Amino acid sequence: MLWDLLHDMRELQNEIDGLFEWPSMLPRLYYTTARSKYPAMNLRETEDNLFLDVNIPGLEMDKVQINIKDHILSINGQKPSPAGIEAKNYHRRERTTGSFIRAVELPMDVEIEKVTATYENGILTITLPKAESAKPKLIEVKVK
């Protein structure tokens, strides 16, 4: 147990030292803050849709809420603690439990009435159809 504590303290010291190194400061800041947020998510795009893929294994979907307002999509949920295990029984605890909220700004208008969500293998996929005004328009050039 003592060895892990010293190792963790060195890791923390290295992270703190790394924050003051330039030019590697920005990637480190992004890496450390991005890893600490739960749940992890990816926002991707096709010609017609945006897709938000959210890692939420072990959650019951009746405990998850999805809201969209003013180009902000938010996901609220509750990740339960394992039943029958007390905090004093842990030697290491890295898996998060409890309530969470994640929000992401949508890069364009979407058709809110047509948004759908599916859950498979621990991944929540939210399909956000782009509004017609957000889709690319092909402009024909007339030659004279």
C-alpha atoms as a PDB file:
ATOM      1  CA  MET A   1       0.000   0.000   0.000  1.00  0.00           C
ATOM      2  CA  LEU A   2       2.830   2.443   0.818  1.00  0.00           C
ATOM      3  CA  TRP A   3       4.388   1.868  -2.620  1.00  0.00           C
ATOM      4  CA  ASP A   4       1.144   2.866  -4.402  1.00  0.00           C
ATOM      5  CA  LEU A   5       0.877   6.017  -2.313  1.00  0.00           C
ATOM      6  CA  LEU A   6       4.412   7.114  -3.232  1.00  0.00           C
ATOM      7  CA  HIS A   7       3.816   6.264  -6.873  1.00  0.00           C
ATOM      8  CA  ASP A   8       0.600   8.313  -6.921  1.00  0.00           C
ATOM      9  CA  MET A   9       2.349  11.249  -5.261  1.00  0.00           C
ATOM     10  CA  ARG A  10       5.107  11.177  -7.909  1.00  0.00           C
ATOM     11  CA  GLU A  11       2.496  11.029 -10.673  1.00  0.00           C
ATOM     12  CA  LEU A  12       0.743  14.070  -9.202  1.00  0.00           C
ATOM     13  CA  GLN A  13       4.046  15.946  -8.925  1.00  0.00           C
ATOM     14  CA  ASN A  14       4.853  15.134 -12.565  1.00  0.00           C
ATOM     15  CA  GLU A  15       1.445  16.403 -13.663  1.00  0.00           C
ATOM     16  CA  ILE A  16       1.897  19.645 -11.706  1.00  0.00           C
ATOM     17  CA  ASP A  17       5.432  20.115 -13.086  1.00  0.00           C
ATOM     18  CA  GLY A  18       4.140  19.482 -16.591  1.00  0.00           C
ATOM     19  CA  LEU A  19       1.585  22.283 -16.313  1.00  0.00           C
ATOM     20  CA  PHE A  20       4.416  24.814 -16.263  1.00  0.00           C
ATOM     21  CA  GLU A  21       6.288  23.445 -19.279  1.00  0.00           C
ATOM     22  CA  TRP A  22       5.698  25.324 -22.519  1.00  0.00           C
ATOM     23  CA  PRO A  23       4.685  24.465 -25.292  1.00  0.00           C
ATOM     24  CA  SER A  24       3.362  21.152 -23.946  1.00  0.00           C
ATOM     25  CA  MET A  25       1.144  22.939 -21.414  1.00  0.00           C
ATOM     26  CA  LEU A  26      -2.027  23.124 -23.532  1.00  0.00           C
ATOM     27  CA  PRO A  27      -2.218  19.452 -24.543  1.00  0.00           C
ATOM     28  CA  ARG A  28      -1.597  18.425 -20.938  1.00  0.00           C
ATOM     29  CA  LEU A  29      -4.316  20.747 -19.667  1.00  0.00           C
ATOM     30  CA  TYR A  30      -6.766  19.334 -22.192  1.00  0.00           C
ATOM     31  CA  TYR A  31      -5.745  15.759 -21.409  1.00  0.00           C
ATOM     32  CA  THR A  32      -6.116  16.083 -17.664  1.00  0.00           C
ATOM     33  CA  THR A  33      -9.435  17.939 -17.757  1.00  0.00           C
ATOM     34  CA  ALA A  34     -10.958  15.796 -20.514  1.00  0.00           C
ATOM     35  CA  ARG A  35     -10.157  12.541 -18.691  1.00  0.00           C
ATOM     36  CA  SER A  36     -11.784  13.680 -15.478  1.00  0.00           C
ATOM     37  CA  LYS A  37     -15.228  14.320 -16.962  1.00  0.00           C
ATOM     38  CA  TYR A  38     -17.863  11.641 -16.801  1.00  0.00           C
ATOM     39  CA  PRO A  39     -19.233  10.351 -19.055  1.00  0.00           C
ATOM     40  CA  ALA A  40     -16.903  10.468 -22.049  1.00  0.00           C
ATOM     41  CA  MET A  41     -18.557  11.498 -25.298  1.00  0.00           C
ATOM     42  CA  ASN A  42     -17.857  11.970 -28.998  1.00  0.00           C
ATOM     43  CA  LEU A  43     -19.715  14.343 -31.307  1.00  0.00           C
ATOM     44  CA  ARG A  44     -19.518  13.390 -34.973  1.00  0.00           C
ATOM     45  CA  GLU A  45     -21.171  14.547 -38.160  1.00  0.00           C
ATOM     46  CA  THR A  46     -22.461  13.276 -41.483  1.00  0.00           C
ATOM     47  CA  GLU A  47     -24.096  15.260 -44.265  1.00  0.00           C
ATOM     48  CA  ASP A  48     -27.553  14.959 -42.686  1.00  0.00           C
ATOM     49  CA  ASN A  49     -26.999  14.310 -38.973  1.00  0.00           C
ATOM     50  CA  LEU A  50     -24.957  14.951 -35.880  1.00  0.00           C
ATOM     51  CA  PHE A  51     -24.327  11.939 -33.636  1.00  0.00           C
ATOM     52  CA  LEU A  52     -23.440  12.155 -29.974  1.00  0.00           C
ATOM     53  CA  ASP A  53     -21.994   8.881 -28.624  1.00  0.00           C
ATOM     54  CA  VAL A  54     -21.890   8.743 -24.824  1.00  0.00           C
ATOM     55  CA  ASN A  55     -20.199   6.021 -22.744  1.00  0.00           C
ATOM     56  CA  ILE A  56     -22.560   5.156 -19.896  1.00  0.00           C
ATOM     57  CA  PRO A  57     -22.180   1.438 -19.199  1.00  0.00           C
ATOM     58  CA  GLY A  58     -24.279  -0.018 -16.440  1.00  0.00           C
ATOM     59  CA  LEU A  59     -26.866   2.753 -16.376  1.00  0.00           C
ATOM     60  CA  GLU A  60     -30.578   2.165 -16.459  1.00  0.00           C
ATOM     61  CA  MET A  61     -32.087   4.351 -19.155  1.00  0.00           C
ATOM     62  CA  ASP A  62     -34.956   5.425 -16.911  1.00  0.00           C
ATOM     63  CA  LYS A  63     -32.298   7.243 -14.837  1.00  0.00           C
ATOM     64  CA  VAL A  64     -31.051   9.288 -17.838  1.00  0.00           C
ATOM     65  CA  GLN A  65     -32.521  12.565 -19.099  1.00  0.00           C
ATOM     66  CA  ILE A  66     -31.621  14.287 -22.367  1.00  0.00           C
ATOM     67  CA  ASN A  67     -32.502  17.953 -22.914  1.00  0.00           C
ATOM     68  CA  ILE A  68     -31.846  20.440 -25.710  1.00  0.00           C
ATOM     69  CA  LYS A  69     -32.203  24.185 -25.290  1.00  0.00           C
ATOM     70  CA  ASP A  70     -30.493  27.067 -27.097  1.00  0.00           C
ATOM     71  CA  HIS A  71     -27.979  24.838 -28.953  1.00  0.00           C
ATOM     72  CA  ILE A  72     -26.974  23.098 -25.705  1.00  0.00           C
ATOM     73  CA  LEU A  73     -27.614  19.375 -25.327  1.00  0.00           C
ATOM     74  CA  SER A  74     -27.386  18.133 -21.753  1.00  0.00           C
ATOM     75  CA  ILE A  75     -27.427  14.628 -20.340  1.00  0.00           C
ATOM     76  CA  ASN A  76     -28.258  14.031 -16.676  1.00  0.00           C
ATOM     77  CA  GLY A  77     -28.090  10.692 -14.974  1.00  0.00           C
ATOM     78  CA  GLN A  78     -27.426   8.689 -11.885  1.00  0.00           C
ATOM     79  CA  LYS A  79     -24.756   5.980 -11.781  1.00  0.00           C
ATOM     80  CA  PRO A  80     -25.537   3.711  -8.830  1.00  0.00           C
ATOM     81  CA  SER A  81     -22.958   2.512  -6.331  1.00  0.00           C
ATOM     82  CA  PRO A  82     -22.521  -1.256  -6.161  1.00  0.00           C
ATOM     83  CA  ALA A  83     -24.928  -2.737  -3.623  1.00  0.00           C
ATOM     84  CA  GLY A  84     -23.495  -4.096  -0.400  1.00  0.00           C
ATOM     85  CA  ILE A  85     -20.013  -2.555  -0.738  1.00  0.00           C
ATOM     86  CA  GLU A  86     -18.988   0.073   1.783  1.00  0.00           C
ATOM     87  CA  ALA A  87     -16.428   2.817   1.130  1.00  0.00           C
ATOM     88  CA  LYS A  88     -14.108   1.409   3.804  1.00  0.00           C
ATOM     89  CA  ASN A  89     -13.718  -1.827   1.779  1.00  0.00           C
ATOM     90  CA  TYR A  90     -11.929  -0.150  -1.139  1.00  0.00           C
ATOM     91  CA  HIS A  91      -8.161  -0.097  -1.678  1.00  0.00           C
ATOM     92  CA  ARG A  92      -8.506   1.849  -4.930  1.00  0.00           C
ATOM     93  CA  ARG A  93     -11.597   3.515  -6.329  1.00  0.00           C
ATOM     94  CA  GLU A  94     -11.459   4.929  -9.874  1.00  0.00           C
ATOM     95  CA  ARG A  95     -14.922   4.137 -11.232  1.00  0.00           C
ATOM     96  CA  THR A  96     -17.302   7.020 -10.753  1.00  0.00           C
ATOM     97  CA  THR A  97     -20.715   6.736  -9.134  1.00  0.00           C
ATOM     98  CA  GLY A  98     -23.430   9.210  -8.262  1.00  0.00           C
ATOM     99  CA  SER A  99     -25.223  11.830 -10.284  1.00  0.00           C
ATOM    100  CA  PHE A 100     -23.669  13.482 -13.319  1.00  0.00           C
ATOM    101  CA  ILE A 101     -24.463  16.090 -15.926  1.00  0.00           C
ATOM    102  CA  ARG A 102     -22.666  16.650 -19.202  1.00  0.00           C
ATOM    103  CA  ALA A 103     -23.471  19.369 -21.684  1.00  0.00           C
ATOM    104  CA  VAL A 104     -22.211  20.009 -25.171  1.00  0.00           C
ATOM    105  CA  GLU A 105     -22.815  22.974 -27.451  1.00  0.00           C
ATOM    106  CA  LEU A 106     -24.231  21.873 -30.787  1.00  0.00           C
ATOM    107  CA  PRO A 107     -22.362  23.432 -33.707  1.00  0.00           C
ATOM    108  CA  MET A 108     -25.520  24.000 -35.771  1.00  0.00           C
ATOM    109  CA  ASP A 109     -29.310  24.017 -35.703  1.00  0.00           C
ATOM    110  CA  VAL A 110     -31.002  20.624 -35.409  1.00  0.00           C
ATOM    111  CA  GLU A 111     -34.587  19.466 -35.835  1.00  0.00           C
ATOM    112  CA  ILE A 112     -35.416  18.912 -32.173  1.00  0.00           C
ATOM    113  CA  GLU A 113     -38.679  17.073 -32.932  1.00  0.00           C
ATOM    114  CA  LYS A 114     -36.767  14.383 -34.871  1.00  0.00           C
ATOM    115  CA  VAL A 115     -33.993  13.697 -32.333  1.00  0.00           C
ATOM    116  CA  THR A 116     -33.743  10.020 -31.350  1.00  0.00           C
ATOM    117  CA  ALA A 117     -31.668   8.095 -28.811  1.00  0.00           C
ATOM    118  CA  THR A 118     -30.628   4.439 -28.690  1.00  0.00           C
ATOM    119  CA  TYR A 119     -28.646   2.496 -26.103  1.00  0.00           C
ATOM    120  CA  GLU A 120     -26.530  -0.529 -27.003  1.00  0.00           C
ATOM    121  CA  ASN A 121     -23.541  -2.170 -25.306  1.00  0.00           C
ATOM    122  CA  GLY A 122     -23.106   0.682 -22.826  1.00  0.00           C
ATOM    123  CA  ILE A 123     -23.136   3.429 -25.457  1.00  0.00           C
ATOM    124  CA  LEU A 124     -25.950   5.948 -25.736  1.00  0.00           C
ATOM    125  CA  THR A 125     -26.176   7.269 -29.307  1.00  0.00           C
ATOM    126  CA  ILE A 126     -28.197  10.428 -29.839  1.00  0.00           C
ATOM    127  CA  THR A 127     -29.067  11.138 -33.480  1.00  0.00           C
ATOM    128  CA  LEU A 128     -29.642  14.816 -34.177  1.00  0.00           C
ATOM    129  CA  PRO A 129     -30.975  15.542 -37.684  1.00  0.00           C
ATOM    130  CA  LYS A 130     -29.561  18.792 -39.044  1.00  0.00           C
ATOM    131  CA  ALA A 131     -31.989  21.581 -39.796  1.00  0.00           C
ATOM    132  CA  GLU A 132     -32.320  22.346 -43.512  1.00  0.00           C
ATOM    133  CA  SER A 133     -30.701  25.734 -42.877  1.00  0.00           C
ATOM    134  CA  ALA A 134     -27.595  23.965 -41.521  1.00  0.00           C
ATOM    135  CA  LYS A 135     -27.132  21.595 -44.458  1.00  0.00           C
ATOM    136  CA  PRO A 136     -24.765  22.560 -47.253  1.00  0.00           C
ATOM    137  CA  LYS A 137     -26.402  23.964 -50.368  1.00  0.00           C
ATOM    138  CA  LEU A 138     -25.114  23.246 -53.853  1.00  0.00           C
ATOM    139  CA  ILE A 139     -25.054  26.413 -55.900  1.00  0.00           C
ATOM    140  CA  GLU A 140     -25.103  25.988 -59.631  1.00  0.00           C
ATOM    141  CA  VAL A 141     -22.816  28.262 -61.607  1.00  0.00           C
ATOM    142  CA  LYS A 142     -24.287  29.442 -64.896  1.00  0.00           C
ATOM    143  CA  VAL A 143     -21.862  30.026 -67.710  1.00  0.00           C
ATOM    144  CA  LYS A 144     -22.706  32.894 -70.122  1.00  0.00           C
END
